[in-house]
């Protein structure tokens, strides 16, 4: 296979991970709703782990202290975007879909674009590096995609639509890969700036949207389980980082 075929095959495999949500489609509505609050807790941990353990260290390595400024810019940008989404969809007092569901799609799409760009850049450097990078991306995407699908469902999006939206978001990896392959010289300086921006988006969604939702339920036993699942999401992302 030539380099371009390797890149496309790898990005297809990474994008297919978004269909992990199929595992939850067959569940009955009552069972799924009960499970969702716990899955969202895990999603919170996966988002925080992805931001602080994967994206930020990589960004600091490339940009130094500028990374933290970009995280703040991203955090405030997502705050403004959420205000816009709420104004457009909830200004009549009825909000069928929580705005954080749309924000999560935006943040995940940006993250997937970066993943596609990183995979393409790795293959352009060396085929064995590209293969190992693809494996790394797939492994850290599994908990990420479970979390993303759970957030979309929790935000009020129907199961089939959530699965479709998650896949469309995953397809941005193709754009990242194609742009990098055809314009490697031009985009090589842009990717490092997108990484902390994605990290800021993940932190915003976890801290301002998901955690307040979890605080609405004050059952002590459930709160302890939610904390355990948040930590599980963080630990799993740390495990994949150390493994690779």
Protein backbone atom coordinates (compact mmCIF):
# COMPACT_ATOMS: atom_id res chain seq x y z
CA UNK A 1 0.00 0.00 0.00
CA UNK A 2 1.11 3.58 -0.59
CA UNK A 3 1.15 6.21 2.15
CA UNK A 4 -2.20 7.72 1.17
CA UNK A 5 -3.93 4.30 1.41
CA UNK A 6 -2.40 3.72 4.84
CA UNK A 7 -3.69 7.09 6.02
CA UNK A 8 -7.24 6.56 4.71
CA UNK A 9 -7.45 3.03 6.15
CA UNK A 10 -6.28 4.24 9.54
CA UNK A 11 -8.71 7.14 9.64
CA UNK A 12 -11.59 4.83 8.66
CA UNK A 13 -10.73 2.51 11.56
CA UNK A 14 -10.56 5.44 13.98
CA UNK A 15 -13.91 6.82 12.74
CA UNK A 16 -15.64 3.45 13.15
CA UNK A 17 -14.91 3.61 16.89
CA UNK A 18 -17.72 6.21 17.07
CA UNK A 19 -20.21 3.35 16.56
CA UNK A 20 -19.42 1.99 20.01
CA UNK A 21 -22.75 3.59 20.97
CA UNK A 22 -24.53 0.71 19.18
CA UNK A 23 -23.94 -1.28 22.37
CA UNK A 24 -26.52 0.93 24.13
CA UNK A 25 -29.17 1.22 21.40
CA UNK A 26 -30.89 -2.09 22.22
CA UNK A 27 -31.43 -1.12 25.86
CA UNK A 28 -34.92 -0.26 27.04
CA UNK A 29 -35.60 3.43 27.69
CA UNK A 30 -35.95 2.98 31.46
CA UNK A 31 -32.73 0.95 31.72
CA UNK A 32 -30.85 3.39 29.49
CA UNK A 33 -31.98 6.44 31.48
CA UNK A 34 -30.81 4.79 34.71
CA UNK A 35 -27.48 3.92 33.12
CA UNK A 36 -26.96 7.34 31.54
CA UNK A 37 -26.22 9.25 34.73
CA UNK A 38 -23.40 6.82 35.44
CA UNK A 39 -22.12 6.86 31.86
CA UNK A 40 -22.09 10.66 31.94
CA UNK A 41 -19.98 10.51 35.11
CA UNK A 42 -17.51 8.30 33.26
CA UNK A 43 -17.65 10.74 30.31
CA UNK A 44 -16.71 13.60 32.63
CA UNK A 45 -13.63 11.71 33.77
CA UNK A 46 -12.71 10.76 30.20
CA UNK A 47 -12.98 14.40 29.08
CA UNK A 48 -10.84 15.64 31.97
CA UNK A 49 -8.33 12.83 31.49
CA UNK A 50 -8.15 13.49 27.77
CA UNK A 51 -7.61 17.20 28.32
CA UNK A 52 -5.13 17.15 31.21
CA UNK A 53 -3.26 13.90 30.53
CA UNK A 54 -3.19 13.71 26.72
CA UNK A 55 -3.80 17.06 25.04
CA UNK A 56 -2.27 19.57 27.45
CA UNK A 57 1.08 17.80 28.00
CA UNK A 58 1.47 17.48 24.23
CA UNK A 59 0.57 21.13 23.79
CA UNK A 60 2.97 22.35 26.50
CA UNK A 61 5.73 20.36 24.83
CA UNK A 62 5.10 22.23 21.58
CA UNK A 63 3.99 25.68 22.72
CA UNK A 64 5.12 26.05 26.32
CA UNK A 65 3.13 28.48 28.48
CA UNK A 66 1.14 29.72 25.46
CA UNK A 67 -0.88 26.52 25.82
CA UNK A 68 -2.59 27.76 28.98
CA UNK A 69 -3.57 31.05 27.33
CA UNK A 70 -5.15 29.12 24.47
CA UNK A 71 -7.03 26.90 26.93
CA UNK A 72 -8.51 30.04 28.54
CA UNK A 73 -9.43 31.42 25.09
CA UNK A 74 -11.12 28.12 24.23
CA UNK A 75 -12.94 28.03 27.58
CA UNK A 76 -14.38 31.53 27.01
CA UNK A 77 -15.18 30.74 23.36
CA UNK A 78 -17.22 27.71 24.41
CA UNK A 79 -18.96 29.87 27.02
CA UNK A 80 -20.01 32.33 24.28
CA UNK A 81 -21.08 29.52 21.96
CA UNK A 82 -23.23 27.97 24.69
CA UNK A 83 -24.92 31.34 25.22
CA UNK A 84 -25.67 31.49 21.48
CA UNK A 85 -27.02 27.93 21.39
CA UNK A 86 -29.25 28.60 24.40
CA UNK A 87 -30.54 31.85 22.92
CA UNK A 88 -31.40 30.15 19.61
CA UNK A 89 -32.97 27.02 21.05
CA UNK A 90 -34.27 27.94 24.51
CA UNK A 91 -35.37 31.58 24.32
CA UNK A 92 -39.06 30.59 24.46
CA UNK A 93 -38.54 28.80 27.76
CA UNK A 94 -38.52 25.31 26.22
CA UNK A 95 -35.22 23.58 25.55
CA UNK A 96 -35.70 20.03 24.17
CA UNK A 97 -31.96 19.55 23.67
CA UNK A 98 -29.38 20.81 26.14
CA UNK A 99 -26.82 23.13 24.58
CA UNK A 100 -23.90 21.12 25.96
CA UNK A 101 -24.81 18.33 23.52
CA UNK A 102 -24.03 20.65 20.60
CA UNK A 103 -20.90 21.94 22.32
CA UNK A 104 -19.68 18.39 22.82
CA UNK A 105 -20.10 17.71 19.10
CA UNK A 106 -18.09 20.83 18.31
CA UNK A 107 -15.29 19.98 20.74
CA UNK A 108 -15.19 16.34 19.66
CA UNK A 109 -15.16 17.31 15.98
CA UNK A 110 -12.16 19.55 16.56
CA UNK A 111 -10.45 16.81 18.55
CA UNK A 112 -11.07 14.27 15.76
CA UNK A 113 -9.72 16.73 13.16
CA UNK A 114 -6.50 16.94 15.18
CA UNK A 115 -6.37 13.14 15.48
CA UNK A 116 -6.66 12.78 11.70
CA UNK A 117 -3.93 15.36 11.18
CA UNK A 118 -1.63 13.61 13.67
CA UNK A 119 -2.18 10.23 11.99
CA UNK A 120 -1.39 11.66 8.55
CA UNK A 121 1.70 13.44 9.84
CA UNK A 122 2.91 10.24 11.51
CA UNK A 123 2.57 8.22 8.28
CA UNK A 124 4.31 10.93 6.30
CA UNK A 125 7.21 10.58 8.72
CA UNK A 126 7.36 6.77 8.90
CA UNK A 127 4.88 3.93 8.27
CA UNK A 128 5.62 2.12 11.53
CA UNK A 129 5.13 5.39 13.43
CA UNK A 130 1.82 5.88 11.63
CA UNK A 131 0.60 2.41 12.62
CA UNK A 132 1.53 2.86 16.27
CA UNK A 133 -0.07 6.32 16.29
CA UNK A 134 -3.28 4.88 14.84
CA UNK A 135 -3.37 2.22 17.56
CA UNK A 136 -2.85 4.88 20.22
CA UNK A 137 -5.67 7.03 18.83
CA UNK A 138 -8.08 4.05 18.65
CA UNK A 139 -7.38 3.02 22.24
CA UNK A 140 -7.90 6.48 23.70
CA UNK A 141 -10.96 7.07 21.47
CA UNK A 142 -12.91 4.09 22.87
CA UNK A 143 -13.64 5.61 26.31
CA UNK A 144 -13.90 9.05 24.69
CA UNK A 145 -16.59 7.90 22.23
CA UNK A 146 -18.57 6.05 24.91
CA UNK A 147 -18.58 9.29 26.86
CA UNK A 148 -19.50 11.41 23.83
CA UNK A 149 -22.45 9.17 22.93
CA UNK A 150 -23.66 9.22 26.55
CA UNK A 151 -23.50 13.03 26.66
CA UNK A 152 -25.57 13.34 23.46
CA UNK A 153 -28.24 11.01 24.87
CA UNK A 154 -28.22 12.80 28.23
CA UNK A 155 -28.54 16.10 26.38
CA UNK A 156 -31.84 15.00 24.82
CA UNK A 157 -30.80 13.72 21.39
CA UNK A 158 -32.51 10.52 20.20
CA UNK A 159 -30.39 7.34 20.12
CA UNK A 160 -30.20 6.94 16.33
CA UNK A 161 -29.52 10.65 15.81
CA UNK A 162 -26.88 10.59 18.53
CA UNK A 163 -25.16 7.68 16.79
CA UNK A 164 -25.29 9.51 13.44
CA UNK A 165 -24.07 12.81 14.92
CA UNK A 166 -21.23 11.04 16.70
CA UNK A 167 -20.15 9.41 13.42
CA UNK A 168 -20.36 12.71 11.51
CA UNK A 169 -18.20 14.28 14.22
CA UNK A 170 -15.71 11.41 13.83
CA UNK A 171 -15.52 12.06 10.08
CA UNK A 172 -13.71 15.35 10.73
CA UNK A 173 -10.67 13.10 11.18
CA UNK A 174 -10.80 12.62 7.39
CA UNK A 175 -10.56 16.37 6.85
CA UNK A 176 -7.65 16.60 9.26
CA UNK A 177 -5.86 13.76 7.49
CA UNK A 178 -6.54 15.06 3.97
CA UNK A 179 -5.56 18.65 4.78
CA UNK A 180 -2.33 17.45 6.38
CA UNK A 181 -1.52 15.08 3.49
CA UNK A 182 -2.04 17.65 0.74
CA UNK A 183 -0.91 20.77 2.61
CA UNK A 184 1.60 19.37 5.12
CA UNK A 185 3.87 22.40 4.98
CA UNK A 186 1.05 24.93 5.38
CA UNK A 187 -0.83 23.25 8.27
CA UNK A 188 2.11 21.92 10.27
CA UNK A 189 2.23 25.13 12.29
CA UNK A 190 -1.54 25.24 12.91
CA UNK A 191 -2.11 21.84 14.56
CA UNK A 192 -0.26 22.66 17.82
CA UNK A 193 -2.67 25.57 18.37
CA UNK A 194 -5.77 23.39 17.83
CA UNK A 195 -4.72 20.88 20.50
CA UNK A 196 -5.02 23.23 23.54
CA UNK A 197 -8.21 24.66 22.03
CA UNK A 198 -9.76 21.18 22.04
CA UNK A 199 -8.49 20.69 25.61
CA UNK A 200 -10.18 23.93 26.72
CA UNK A 201 -13.45 22.77 25.16
CA UNK A 202 -13.32 19.43 26.99
CA UNK A 203 -12.59 21.15 30.31
CA UNK A 204 -15.47 23.58 29.78
CA UNK A 205 -18.00 20.83 29.00
CA UNK A 206 -16.90 18.69 31.96
CA UNK A 207 -16.70 21.52 34.51
CA UNK A 208 -19.64 23.76 33.60
CA UNK A 209 -22.17 21.38 32.06
CA UNK A 210 -21.70 17.81 33.25
CA UNK A 211 -20.64 18.34 36.88
CA UNK A 212 -23.57 20.71 37.64
CA UNK A 213 -25.95 18.08 36.19
CA UNK A 214 -24.49 15.46 38.54
CA UNK A 215 -24.94 17.82 41.50
CA UNK A 216 -28.72 17.84 40.93
CA UNK A 217 -28.99 14.35 42.44
CA UNK A 218 -28.13 14.37 46.13
CA UNK A 219 -28.31 10.65 46.94
CA UNK A 220 -25.10 9.82 48.85
CA UNK A 221 -24.71 6.32 47.45
CA UNK A 222 -25.17 7.54 43.90
CA UNK A 223 -22.75 10.44 44.47
CA UNK A 224 -20.04 8.04 45.65
CA UNK A 225 -20.60 5.85 42.58
CA UNK A 226 -20.47 8.91 40.30
CA UNK A 227 -17.16 9.97 41.87
CA UNK A 228 -15.80 6.45 41.34
CA UNK A 229 -16.83 6.55 37.66
CA UNK A 230 -15.28 10.01 37.14
CA UNK A 231 -12.04 8.66 38.59
CA UNK A 232 -12.40 5.54 36.41
CA UNK A 233 -12.59 7.70 33.29
CA UNK A 234 -9.46 9.61 34.35
CA UNK A 235 -7.55 6.45 35.30
CA UNK A 236 -8.43 4.73 32.02
CA UNK A 237 -7.13 7.68 29.98
CA UNK A 238 -3.97 7.68 32.13
CA UNK A 239 -3.56 3.94 31.55
CA UNK A 240 -3.71 4.34 27.77
CA UNK A 241 -1.23 7.19 27.93
CA UNK A 242 1.27 5.17 29.94
CA UNK A 243 0.66 2.04 27.87
CA UNK A 244 1.58 3.84 24.66
